[in-house]
Amino acid sequence: MAETLFRKVWNAHRVRTLASGQTQLFIGLHLVHEVTSPQAFDMLRQHGLRVAFPERTVATIDHIVPTSSQRRPFLDVMAEDMTVALERNCRDFGITLYTPDSDEQGIVHVIGPQLGLTQPGLTIACGDSHTSTHGAFGAIAMGIGTSQVRDVLASQCLAVEPLKVRRIDVNGQLRPGVFAKDVILTIIRRLGVQGGAGFAYEYGGSALDRMSMDERMTICNMSIEGGARAGYVNPDDTTFAYLRGRSTRQPARHSTGRSGGGVGLPPIATRPTTIASRLMRPPSSRPSPGASTRAGRGRQ
C-alpha cells in the first residue's frame, strides 16, 4: 500500500520515539494567540527558558478583539489585559506579532493561509482546537493545550501519540443549497463524534476535488468535532493555485503596526531533544443529498 501524506510528513518531522511510545514531533510552524499563551510564557520564565525557534513562531490577536470599537485601551478590561500580555511576551521573546492595527491581523486559522505561512508538508500547532483547518493545504495541523504551547515554545517539539489514518471519500455532485458544512456534518453524523479518536482523517473523492480552498478549510476545520486529531486534503492544482504569489515573509520581530519585509520560515535543520526531555512527560446517518460518503478503514 502506498504511503499516505500523513505518514510521509510525520516521518519527516519525527525526532525520536519516547519511552512512553509517543513520538517527539518537530513543529514547522507554531501559531500563537492571546488566550492559550499567557501561562505558557510564564512557565518559560519560571524554567529560565527562551523560545527555541522564534522564526517559526507567529502570533496574532483574534479571540478577544472587540467588534464595536478597536480603540486602545479596549473597554473590555480582560481583553485589554490579554492583549498587553501577548504584546509583552512577543516583545520579550522576539516573536512576530500581528496586532489589530496591522493589515495582516486576523483569525489565526485564516491569516496562516492568506499570508502563505501554511504550506503543504508542514507540521503546524496552535493552542486552538480548530487548528486542523490548515490541513486543507496538505499540512498536518493539530490543536494543543497550554502546557503543549509551552513545550513547542521551548523546544519546537510535541510529544504526540501515534495516529492512524482514515480515508474518507466524498463522491458525486453536490446539489444546489448543499455546501461544505453540510458535507462535514454528514460525515460526523455517520461516523460519530468519537469516530475519529486516534485517527487523522484524510479527505478525498470527486466532490472534494471540485471544492475551493475555502470549502476544504471548512471540511478540515470540523475534524475535531468528529473526534479526529487532524484532518487533511492531499494538495493538488487548486492548492498550489491558491498559494501562488502569497508571501511567506514575516514582518520584523514584534510588529505592532503595519508590517513589511522580514524573514521567511527557514528549512528544518535542527531537531532539539535536550530541552524537550525536561518538559515532555507522558500524560498520567445519511449522506448529503447528491453526494455519497465512504469512510475507509484505518491505515498507517
C-alpha atoms as a PDB file:
ATOM      1  CA  MET A   1       0.000   0.000   0.000  1.00  0.00           C
ATOM      2  CA  ALA A   2       1.302   3.444  -0.908  1.00  0.00           C
ATOM      3  CA  GLU A   3       2.473   5.588   1.996  1.00  0.00           C
ATOM      4  CA  THR A   4       0.000   8.324   2.950  1.00  0.00           C
ATOM      5  CA  LEU A   5       0.828  12.017   3.003  1.00  0.00           C
ATOM      6  CA  PHE A   6       0.302  11.915   6.753  1.00  0.00           C
ATOM      7  CA  ARG A   7       2.933   9.230   7.225  1.00  0.00           C
ATOM      8  CA  LYS A   8       5.430  10.996   4.957  1.00  0.00           C
ATOM      9  CA  VAL A   9       5.056  14.292   6.835  1.00  0.00           C
ATOM     10  CA  TRP A  10       5.085  12.567  10.224  1.00  0.00           C
ATOM     11  CA  ASN A  11       8.275  10.658   9.442  1.00  0.00           C
ATOM     12  CA  ALA A  12       9.986  13.737   8.024  1.00  0.00           C
ATOM     13  CA  HIS A  13       9.362  15.601  11.297  1.00  0.00           C
ATOM     14  CA  ARG A  14       9.882  12.721  13.742  1.00  0.00           C
ATOM     15  CA  VAL A  15      12.744  13.377  16.148  1.00  0.00           C
ATOM     16  CA  ARG A  16      12.548  10.131  18.110  1.00  0.00           C
ATOM     17  CA  THR A  17      10.218   7.699  19.811  1.00  0.00           C
ATOM     18  CA  LEU A  18       9.871   8.476  23.511  1.00  0.00           C
ATOM     19  CA  ALA A  19       9.883   5.866  26.277  1.00  0.00           C
ATOM     20  CA  SER A  20       6.120   6.427  26.585  1.00  0.00           C
ATOM     21  CA  GLY A  21       5.630   5.264  22.996  1.00  0.00           C
ATOM     22  CA  GLN A  22       4.799   8.787  21.899  1.00  0.00           C
ATOM     23  CA  THR A  23       6.531  10.488  19.000  1.00  0.00           C
ATOM     24  CA  GLN A  24       8.624  13.578  19.609  1.00  0.00           C
ATOM     25  CA  LEU A  25       7.475  15.584  16.606  1.00  0.00           C
ATOM     26  CA  PHE A  26       9.185  18.702  15.290  1.00  0.00           C
ATOM     27  CA  ILE A  27       6.710  21.519  14.564  1.00  0.00           C
ATOM     28  CA  GLY A  28       7.377  23.516  11.412  1.00  0.00           C
ATOM     29  CA  LEU A  29       5.044  26.407  12.272  1.00  0.00           C
ATOM     30  CA  HIS A  30       3.693  27.431  15.673  1.00  0.00           C
ATOM     31  CA  LEU A  31       0.752  29.835  15.657  1.00  0.00           C
ATOM     32  CA  VAL A  32       0.065  31.680  18.899  1.00  0.00           C
ATOM     33  CA  HIS A  33      -2.824  33.824  20.125  1.00  0.00           C
ATOM     34  CA  GLU A  34      -3.737  35.660  23.286  1.00  0.00           C
ATOM     35  CA  VAL A  35      -5.969  33.095  25.017  1.00  0.00           C
ATOM     36  CA  THR A  36      -3.870  29.950  25.473  1.00  0.00           C
ATOM     37  CA  SER A  37      -0.396  31.502  25.606  1.00  0.00           C
ATOM     38  CA  PRO A  38      -0.044  33.692  28.758  1.00  0.00           C
ATOM     39  CA  GLN A  39       0.501  30.793  31.165  1.00  0.00           C
ATOM     40  CA  ALA A  40       2.825  29.096  28.669  1.00  0.00           C
ATOM     41  CA  PHE A  41       5.105  32.135  28.544  1.00  0.00           C
ATOM     42  CA  ASP A  42       5.002  32.362  32.337  1.00  0.00           C
ATOM     43  CA  MET A  43       6.175  28.744  32.551  1.00  0.00           C
ATOM     44  CA  LEU A  44       9.091  29.546  30.245  1.00  0.00           C
ATOM     45  CA  ARG A  45      10.140  32.318  32.590  1.00  0.00           C
ATOM     46  CA  GLN A  46       9.826  30.004  35.597  1.00  0.00           C
ATOM     47  CA  HIS A  47      12.137  27.476  33.909  1.00  0.00           C
ATOM     48  CA  GLY A  48      14.525  30.151  32.652  1.00  0.00           C
ATOM     49  CA  LEU A  49      13.920  29.088  29.037  1.00  0.00           C
ATOM     50  CA  ARG A  50      13.844  31.026  25.791  1.00  0.00           C
ATOM     51  CA  VAL A  51      11.724  30.404  22.702  1.00  0.00           C
ATOM     52  CA  ALA A  52      13.713  27.847  20.714  1.00  0.00           C
ATOM     53  CA  PHE A  53      12.643  28.913  17.215  1.00  0.00           C
ATOM     54  CA  PRO A  54      11.106  32.417  17.246  1.00  0.00           C
ATOM     55  CA  GLU A  55      11.415  32.484  13.446  1.00  0.00           C
ATOM     56  CA  ARG A  56       8.962  29.569  13.294  1.00  0.00           C
ATOM     57  CA  THR A  57       6.503  31.239  15.683  1.00  0.00           C
ATOM     58  CA  VAL A  58       3.825  33.733  14.616  1.00  0.00           C
ATOM     59  CA  ALA A  59       1.325  35.389  16.953  1.00  0.00           C
ATOM     60  CA  THR A  60      -1.893  37.265  16.342  1.00  0.00           C
ATOM     61  CA  ILE A  61      -4.647  38.734  18.479  1.00  0.00           C
ATOM     62  CA  ASP A  62      -8.000  37.397  17.360  1.00  0.00           C
ATOM     63  CA  HIS A  63     -10.235  35.822  20.000  1.00  0.00           C
ATOM     64  CA  ILE A  64     -10.918  38.916  22.098  1.00  0.00           C
ATOM     65  CA  VAL A  65     -10.788  41.775  19.579  1.00  0.00           C
ATOM     66  CA  PRO A  66     -13.907  43.961  20.152  1.00  0.00           C
ATOM     67  CA  THR A  67     -16.279  44.333  17.214  1.00  0.00           C
ATOM     68  CA  SER A  68     -17.718  47.752  18.101  1.00  0.00           C
ATOM     69  CA  SER A  69     -14.510  49.706  18.687  1.00  0.00           C
ATOM     70  CA  GLN A  70     -10.863  48.700  18.448  1.00  0.00           C
ATOM     71  CA  ARG A  71      -9.552  51.887  20.009  1.00  0.00           C
ATOM     72  CA  ARG A  72      -6.965  51.190  22.692  1.00  0.00           C
ATOM     73  CA  PRO A  73      -7.259  50.651  25.531  1.00  0.00           C
ATOM     74  CA  PHE A  74     -10.166  48.287  24.904  1.00  0.00           C
ATOM     75  CA  LEU A  75     -13.271  48.962  27.002  1.00  0.00           C
ATOM     76  CA  ASP A  76     -13.261  45.276  27.960  1.00  0.00           C
ATOM     77  CA  VAL A  77     -10.623  45.212  30.707  1.00  0.00           C
ATOM     78  CA  MET A  78      -9.913  41.494  30.305  1.00  0.00           C
ATOM     79  CA  ALA A  79      -9.435  41.873  26.556  1.00  0.00           C
ATOM     80  CA  GLU A  80      -7.010  44.756  27.095  1.00  0.00           C
ATOM     81  CA  ASP A  81      -5.055  42.797  29.729  1.00  0.00           C
ATOM     82  CA  MET A  82      -4.720  39.778  27.430  1.00  0.00           C
ATOM     83  CA  THR A  83      -3.611  41.991  24.545  1.00  0.00           C
ATOM     84  CA  VAL A  84      -0.996  43.740  26.679  1.00  0.00           C
ATOM     85  CA  ALA A  85       0.264  40.374  27.934  1.00  0.00           C
ATOM     86  CA  LEU A  86       0.747  38.995  24.410  1.00  0.00           C
ATOM     87  CA  GLU A  87       2.439  42.208  23.274  1.00  0.00           C
ATOM     88  CA  ARG A  88       4.848  41.984  26.205  1.00  0.00           C
ATOM     89  CA  ASN A  89       5.529  38.284  25.688  1.00  0.00           C
ATOM     90  CA  CYS A  90       6.206  38.657  21.972  1.00  0.00           C
ATOM     91  CA  ARG A  91       8.478  41.626  22.623  1.00  0.00           C
ATOM     92  CA  ASP A  92      10.408  39.808  25.373  1.00  0.00           C
ATOM     93  CA  PHE A  93      10.822  36.569  23.392  1.00  0.00           C
ATOM     94  CA  GLY A  94      11.345  38.047  19.910  1.00  0.00           C
ATOM     95  CA  ILE A  95       8.182  36.695  18.268  1.00  0.00           C
ATOM     96  CA  THR A  96       6.365  38.169  15.287  1.00  0.00           C
ATOM     97  CA  LEU A  97       3.002  39.608  16.379  1.00  0.00           C
ATOM     98  CA  TYR A  98       0.077  40.885  14.323  1.00  0.00           C
ATOM     99  CA  THR A  99      -1.971  43.343  16.378  1.00  0.00           C
ATOM    100  CA  PRO A 100      -5.382  44.798  15.425  1.00  0.00           C
ATOM    101  CA  ASP A 101      -3.742  47.844  13.825  1.00  0.00           C
ATOM    102  CA  SER A 102      -1.752  45.635  11.434  1.00  0.00           C
ATOM    103  CA  ASP A 103      -3.004  44.854   7.933  1.00  0.00           C
ATOM    104  CA  GLU A 104      -2.114  41.179   8.483  1.00  0.00           C
ATOM    105  CA  GLN A 105      -4.039  40.714  11.747  1.00  0.00           C
ATOM    106  CA  GLY A 106      -6.989  38.362  11.638  1.00  0.00           C
ATOM    107  CA  ILE A 107      -8.352  34.989  12.704  1.00  0.00           C
ATOM    108  CA  VAL A 108      -5.366  32.765  13.357  1.00  0.00           C
ATOM    109  CA  HIS A 109      -6.560  29.985  11.022  1.00  0.00           C
ATOM    110  CA  VAL A 110      -7.262  32.469   8.236  1.00  0.00           C
ATOM    111  CA  ILE A 111      -4.092  34.553   8.211  1.00  0.00           C
ATOM    112  CA  GLY A 112      -1.873  31.453   8.030  1.00  0.00           C
ATOM    113  CA  PRO A 113      -3.147  30.527   4.554  1.00  0.00           C
ATOM    114  CA  GLN A 114      -3.667  34.138   3.442  1.00  0.00           C
ATOM    115  CA  LEU A 115      -0.070  35.100   4.252  1.00  0.00           C
ATOM    116  CA  GLY A 116       1.339  31.918   2.748  1.00  0.00           C
ATOM    117  CA  LEU A 117       2.633  30.674   6.100  1.00  0.00           C
ATOM    118  CA  THR A 118       0.560  27.500   5.836  1.00  0.00           C
ATOM    119  CA  GLN A 119       2.286  25.207   3.362  1.00  0.00           C
ATOM    120  CA  PRO A 120       1.858  21.606   2.146  1.00  0.00           C
ATOM    121  CA  GLY A 121       4.009  19.176   4.085  1.00  0.00           C
ATOM    122  CA  LEU A 122       4.324  21.309   7.229  1.00  0.00           C
ATOM    123  CA  THR A 123       3.554  20.257  10.760  1.00  0.00           C
ATOM    124  CA  ILE A 124       1.549  23.053  12.398  1.00  0.00           C
ATOM    125  CA  ALA A 125       0.441  23.511  16.003  1.00  0.00           C
ATOM    126  CA  CYS A 126      -1.710  26.144  17.686  1.00  0.00           C
ATOM    127  CA  GLY A 127      -3.450  26.437  21.035  1.00  0.00           C
ATOM    128  CA  ASP A 128      -6.855  26.166  19.394  1.00  0.00           C
ATOM    129  CA  SER A 129      -8.935  23.058  18.734  1.00  0.00           C
ATOM    130  CA  HIS A 130      -9.671  24.036  15.126  1.00  0.00           C
ATOM    131  CA  THR A 131      -6.050  24.111  14.011  1.00  0.00           C
ATOM    132  CA  SER A 132      -6.937  21.185  11.744  1.00  0.00           C
ATOM    133  CA  THR A 133      -8.224  23.890   9.352  1.00  0.00           C
ATOM    134  CA  HIS A 134      -4.706  24.153   7.922  1.00  0.00           C
ATOM    135  CA  GLY A 135      -4.890  20.524   6.814  1.00  0.00           C
ATOM    136  CA  ALA A 136      -6.804  21.739   3.751  1.00  0.00           C
ATOM    137  CA  PHE A 137      -3.385  22.657   2.338  1.00  0.00           C
ATOM    138  CA  GLY A 138      -1.801  19.267   2.898  1.00  0.00           C
ATOM    139  CA  ALA A 139      -0.311  20.182   6.274  1.00  0.00           C
ATOM    140  CA  ILE A 140      -0.563  18.063   9.409  1.00  0.00           C
ATOM    141  CA  ALA A 141      -2.053  20.568  11.833  1.00  0.00           C
ATOM    142  CA  MET A 142      -3.098  19.885  15.424  1.00  0.00           C
ATOM    143  CA  GLY A 143      -4.703  21.859  18.200  1.00  0.00           C
ATOM    144  CA  ILE A 144      -2.828  21.794  21.513  1.00  0.00           C
ATOM    145  CA  GLY A 145      -3.325  22.854  25.132  1.00  0.00           C
ATOM    146  CA  THR A 146      -1.456  25.466  27.135  1.00  0.00           C
ATOM    147  CA  SER A 147       1.172  23.094  28.551  1.00  0.00           C
ATOM    148  CA  GLN A 148       1.862  21.896  24.999  1.00  0.00           C
ATOM    149  CA  VAL A 149       2.105  25.512  23.821  1.00  0.00           C
ATOM    150  CA  ARG A 150       4.865  25.800  26.430  1.00  0.00           C
ATOM    151  CA  ASP A 151       6.565  22.667  25.055  1.00  0.00           C
ATOM    152  CA  VAL A 152       6.553  23.959  21.487  1.00  0.00           C
ATOM    153  CA  LEU A 153       7.778  27.397  22.521  1.00  0.00           C
ATOM    154  CA  ALA A 154      10.650  25.858  24.475  1.00  0.00           C
ATOM    155  CA  SER A 155      11.651  23.018  22.138  1.00  0.00           C
ATOM    156  CA  GLN A 156       9.674  23.368  18.865  1.00  0.00           C
ATOM    157  CA  CYS A 157       8.514  19.815  19.557  1.00  0.00           C
ATOM    158  CA  LEU A 158       5.408  17.976  20.688  1.00  0.00           C
ATOM    159  CA  ALA A 159       5.015  14.614  22.366  1.00  0.00           C
ATOM    160  CA  VAL A 160       2.191  13.055  20.339  1.00  0.00           C
ATOM    161  CA  GLU A 161       0.501   9.678  20.371  1.00  0.00           C
ATOM    162  CA  PRO A 162       0.941   7.903  17.016  1.00  0.00           C
ATOM    163  CA  LEU A 163      -2.150   8.286  14.841  1.00  0.00           C
ATOM    164  CA  LYS A 164      -3.730   6.037  12.258  1.00  0.00           C
ATOM    165  CA  VAL A 165      -5.208   7.433   9.052  1.00  0.00           C
ATOM    166  CA  ARG A 166      -8.829   7.015   7.981  1.00  0.00           C
ATOM    167  CA  ARG A 167      -9.572   7.831   4.358  1.00  0.00           C
ATOM    168  CA  ILE A 168     -12.958   9.462   3.771  1.00  0.00           C
ATOM    169  CA  ASP A 169     -14.098   9.746   0.153  1.00  0.00           C
ATOM    170  CA  VAL A 170     -16.930  12.076  -0.810  1.00  0.00           C
ATOM    171  CA  ASN A 171     -18.062  11.428  -4.371  1.00  0.00           C
ATOM    172  CA  GLY A 172     -20.690  12.881  -6.646  1.00  0.00           C
ATOM    173  CA  GLN A 173     -22.097  16.310  -7.377  1.00  0.00           C
ATOM    174  CA  LEU A 174     -23.461  18.411  -4.532  1.00  0.00           C
ATOM    175  CA  ARG A 175     -26.984  19.646  -5.204  1.00  0.00           C
ATOM    176  CA  PRO A 176     -27.769  23.370  -5.094  1.00  0.00           C
ATOM    177  CA  GLY A 177     -28.049  24.520  -1.497  1.00  0.00           C
ATOM    178  CA  VAL A 178     -25.717  21.789  -0.193  1.00  0.00           C
ATOM    179  CA  PHE A 179     -22.390  23.158   0.998  1.00  0.00           C
ATOM    180  CA  ALA A 180     -19.112  22.028   2.539  1.00  0.00           C
ATOM    181  CA  LYS A 181     -20.520  22.476   6.048  1.00  0.00           C
ATOM    182  CA  ASP A 182     -23.301  20.015   5.192  1.00  0.00           C
ATOM    183  CA  VAL A 183     -20.717  17.517   3.972  1.00  0.00           C
ATOM    184  CA  ILE A 184     -18.631  17.520   7.150  1.00  0.00           C
ATOM    185  CA  LEU A 185     -21.753  17.427   9.334  1.00  0.00           C
ATOM    186  CA  THR A 186     -22.901  14.354   7.399  1.00  0.00           C
ATOM    187  CA  ILE A 187     -19.524  12.703   7.901  1.00  0.00           C
ATOM    188  CA  ILE A 188     -19.707  13.370  11.638  1.00  0.00           C
ATOM    189  CA  ARG A 189     -23.284  12.102  11.740  1.00  0.00           C
ATOM    190  CA  ARG A 190     -22.303   8.842  10.083  1.00  0.00           C
ATOM    191  CA  LEU A 191     -19.054   8.197  11.959  1.00  0.00           C
ATOM    192  CA  GLY A 192     -19.991   9.785  15.273  1.00  0.00           C
ATOM    193  CA  VAL A 193     -18.356  12.423  17.431  1.00  0.00           C
ATOM    194  CA  GLN A 194     -15.809   9.852  18.622  1.00  0.00           C
ATOM    195  CA  GLY A 195     -15.333   8.187  15.250  1.00  0.00           C
ATOM    196  CA  GLY A 196     -12.024   9.910  14.675  1.00  0.00           C
ATOM    197  CA  ALA A 197     -10.464   9.214  18.083  1.00  0.00           C
ATOM    198  CA  GLY A 198      -6.902   8.077  17.471  1.00  0.00           C
ATOM    199  CA  PHE A 199      -7.102   8.973  13.773  1.00  0.00           C
ATOM    200  CA  ALA A 200      -6.202  11.646  11.285  1.00  0.00           C
ATOM    201  CA  TYR A 201      -8.888  11.994   8.623  1.00  0.00           C
ATOM    202  CA  GLU A 202      -7.737  12.065   5.011  1.00  0.00           C
ATOM    203  CA  TYR A 203     -10.489  13.640   2.902  1.00  0.00           C
ATOM    204  CA  GLY A 204     -10.774  12.910  -0.803  1.00  0.00           C
ATOM    205  CA  GLY A 205     -13.103  11.935  -3.618  1.00  0.00           C
ATOM    206  CA  SER A 206     -14.548  13.740  -6.622  1.00  0.00           C
ATOM    207  CA  ALA A 207     -16.637  16.152  -4.519  1.00  0.00           C
ATOM    208  CA  LEU A 208     -13.534  17.262  -2.580  1.00  0.00           C
ATOM    209  CA  ASP A 209     -11.563  17.580  -5.814  1.00  0.00           C
ATOM    210  CA  ARG A 210     -14.052  20.186  -7.052  1.00  0.00           C
ATOM    211  CA  MET A 211     -14.086  22.192  -3.826  1.00  0.00           C
ATOM    212  CA  SER A 212     -12.373  25.544  -3.404  1.00  0.00           C
ATOM    213  CA  MET A 213      -9.748  26.024  -0.703  1.00  0.00           C
ATOM    214  CA  ASP A 214     -12.314  27.811   1.463  1.00  0.00           C
ATOM    215  CA  GLU A 215     -14.592  24.789   1.252  1.00  0.00           C
ATOM    216  CA  ARG A 216     -11.765  22.394   2.048  1.00  0.00           C
ATOM    217  CA  MET A 217     -10.839  24.538   5.039  1.00  0.00           C
ATOM    218  CA  THR A 218     -14.445  24.223   6.242  1.00  0.00           C
ATOM    219  CA  ILE A 219     -14.219  20.423   5.977  1.00  0.00           C
ATOM    220  CA  CYS A 220     -10.882  20.162   7.798  1.00  0.00           C
ATOM    221  CA  ASN A 221     -11.894  22.746  10.407  1.00  0.00           C
ATOM    222  CA  MET A 222     -14.506  20.437  11.904  1.00  0.00           C
ATOM    223  CA  SER A 223     -12.373  17.296  12.056  1.00  0.00           C
ATOM    224  CA  ILE A 224     -12.103  17.831  15.805  1.00  0.00           C
ATOM    225  CA  GLU A 225     -15.918  17.730  16.136  1.00  0.00           C
ATOM    226  CA  GLY A 226     -15.660  14.207  14.743  1.00  0.00           C
ATOM    227  CA  GLY A 227     -13.025  13.238  17.312  1.00  0.00           C
ATOM    228  CA  ALA A 228     -10.062  13.299  14.871  1.00  0.00           C
ATOM    229  CA  ARG A 229      -6.793  14.900  15.983  1.00  0.00           C
ATOM    230  CA  ALA A 230      -6.160  16.167  12.461  1.00  0.00           C
ATOM    231  CA  GLY A 231      -7.789  16.252   9.043  1.00  0.00           C
ATOM    232  CA  TYR A 232      -6.212  16.968   5.683  1.00  0.00           C
ATOM    233  CA  VAL A 233      -6.642  17.004   1.925  1.00  0.00           C
ATOM    234  CA  ASN A 234      -3.833  15.955  -0.408  1.00  0.00           C
ATOM    235  CA  PRO A 235      -2.555  19.076  -2.214  1.00  0.00           C
ATOM    236  CA  ASP A 236      -3.393  19.478  -5.886  1.00  0.00           C
ATOM    237  CA  ASP A 237      -3.537  22.181  -8.551  1.00  0.00           C
ATOM    238  CA  THR A 238      -6.242  24.017  -6.587  1.00  0.00           C
ATOM    239  CA  THR A 239      -3.951  24.152  -3.567  1.00  0.00           C
ATOM    240  CA  PHE A 240      -0.955  25.468  -5.468  1.00  0.00           C
ATOM    241  CA  ALA A 241      -3.027  27.991  -7.408  1.00  0.00           C
ATOM    242  CA  TYR A 242      -4.249  29.454  -4.095  1.00  0.00           C
ATOM    243  CA  LEU A 243      -0.741  29.656  -2.633  1.00  0.00           C
ATOM    244  CA  ARG A 244       0.948  31.026  -5.747  1.00  0.00           C
ATOM    245  CA  GLY A 245       2.138  34.570  -5.162  1.00  0.00           C
ATOM    246  CA  ARG A 246       1.382  34.581  -1.432  1.00  0.00           C
ATOM    247  CA  SER A 247       4.385  35.741   0.541  1.00  0.00           C
ATOM    248  CA  THR A 248       5.878  33.547   3.244  1.00  0.00           C
ATOM    249  CA  ARG A 249       7.815  36.512   4.580  1.00  0.00           C
ATOM    250  CA  GLN A 250       7.091  37.716   8.076  1.00  0.00           C
ATOM    251  CA  PRO A 251       7.418  41.260   9.400  1.00  0.00           C
ATOM    252  CA  ALA A 252      10.212  42.313  11.690  1.00  0.00           C
ATOM    253  CA  ARG A 253      10.091  40.898  15.219  1.00  0.00           C
ATOM    254  CA  HIS A 254       7.232  42.194  17.365  1.00  0.00           C
ATOM    255  CA  SER A 255       5.333  44.147  14.762  1.00  0.00           C
ATOM    256  CA  THR A 256       2.632  46.227  16.408  1.00  0.00           C
ATOM    257  CA  GLY A 257       1.754  48.235  13.358  1.00  0.00           C
ATOM    258  CA  ARG A 258       1.715  47.969   9.601  1.00  0.00           C
ATOM    259  CA  SER A 259       4.292  45.473   8.504  1.00  0.00           C
ATOM    260  CA  GLY A 260       6.654  44.857   5.651  1.00  0.00           C
ATOM    261  CA  GLY A 261       9.804  42.901   4.954  1.00  0.00           C
ATOM    262  CA  GLY A 262      11.248  40.408   7.396  1.00  0.00           C
ATOM    263  CA  VAL A 263      12.325  36.810   7.273  1.00  0.00           C
ATOM    264  CA  GLY A 264      10.661  33.672   5.987  1.00  0.00           C
ATOM    265  CA  LEU A 265      10.363  30.237   7.536  1.00  0.00           C
ATOM    266  CA  PRO A 266      13.778  28.538   7.453  1.00  0.00           C
ATOM    267  CA  PRO A 267      14.293  24.916   6.439  1.00  0.00           C
ATOM    268  CA  ILE A 268      14.248  22.308   9.176  1.00  0.00           C
ATOM    269  CA  ALA A 269      17.883  21.849  10.136  1.00  0.00           C
ATOM    270  CA  THR A 270      17.907  21.197  13.873  1.00  0.00           C
ATOM    271  CA  ARG A 271      15.906  18.665  15.824  1.00  0.00           C
ATOM    272  CA  PRO A 272      16.179  19.574  19.521  1.00  0.00           C
ATOM    273  CA  THR A 273      15.981  16.864  22.159  1.00  0.00           C
ATOM    274  CA  THR A 274      17.617  18.156  25.336  1.00  0.00           C
ATOM    275  CA  ILE A 275      15.105  20.853  26.299  1.00  0.00           C
ATOM    276  CA  ALA A 276      12.223  18.615  25.313  1.00  0.00           C
ATOM    277  CA  SER A 277      13.317  15.927  27.755  1.00  0.00           C
ATOM    278  CA  ARG A 278      12.834  18.414  30.586  1.00  0.00           C
ATOM    279  CA  LEU A 279       9.324  19.345  29.548  1.00  0.00           C
ATOM    280  CA  MET A 280       7.776  16.373  27.751  1.00  0.00           C
ATOM    281  CA  ARG A 281       6.294  13.752  30.018  1.00  0.00           C
ATOM    282  CA  PRO A 282       3.626  11.221  29.028  1.00  0.00           C
ATOM    283  CA  PRO A 283       0.086  12.191  30.118  1.00  0.00           C
ATOM    284  CA  SER A 284      -0.571  10.070  33.549  1.00  0.00           C
ATOM    285  CA  SER A 285     -26.702   8.882   9.268  1.00  0.00           C
ATOM    286  CA  ARG A 286     -27.495   9.671   5.826  1.00  0.00           C
ATOM    287  CA  PRO A 287     -25.270  11.046   3.003  1.00  0.00           C
ATOM    288  CA  SER A 288     -25.783  14.647   1.930  1.00  0.00           C
ATOM    289  CA  PRO A 289     -28.234  14.935  -0.973  1.00  0.00           C
ATOM    290  CA  GLY A 290     -26.481  14.420  -4.268  1.00  0.00           C
ATOM    291  CA  ALA A 291     -23.247  13.048  -2.804  1.00  0.00           C
ATOM    292  CA  SER A 292     -22.042   9.822  -1.249  1.00  0.00           C
ATOM    293  CA  THR A 293     -19.517   9.446   1.550  1.00  0.00           C
ATOM    294  CA  ARG A 294     -17.354   6.446   2.215  1.00  0.00           C
ATOM    295  CA  ALA A 295     -15.041   6.034   5.167  1.00  0.00           C
ATOM    296  CA  GLY A 296     -12.191   3.632   4.721  1.00  0.00           C
ATOM    297  CA  ARG A 297     -10.570   1.552   7.419  1.00  0.00           C
ATOM    298  CA  GLY A 298      -7.695   2.946   9.405  1.00  0.00           C
ATOM    299  CA  ARG A 299      -4.279   2.611   7.868  1.00  0.00           C
ATOM    300  CA  GLN A 300      -0.765   3.687   8.617  1.00  0.00           C
END
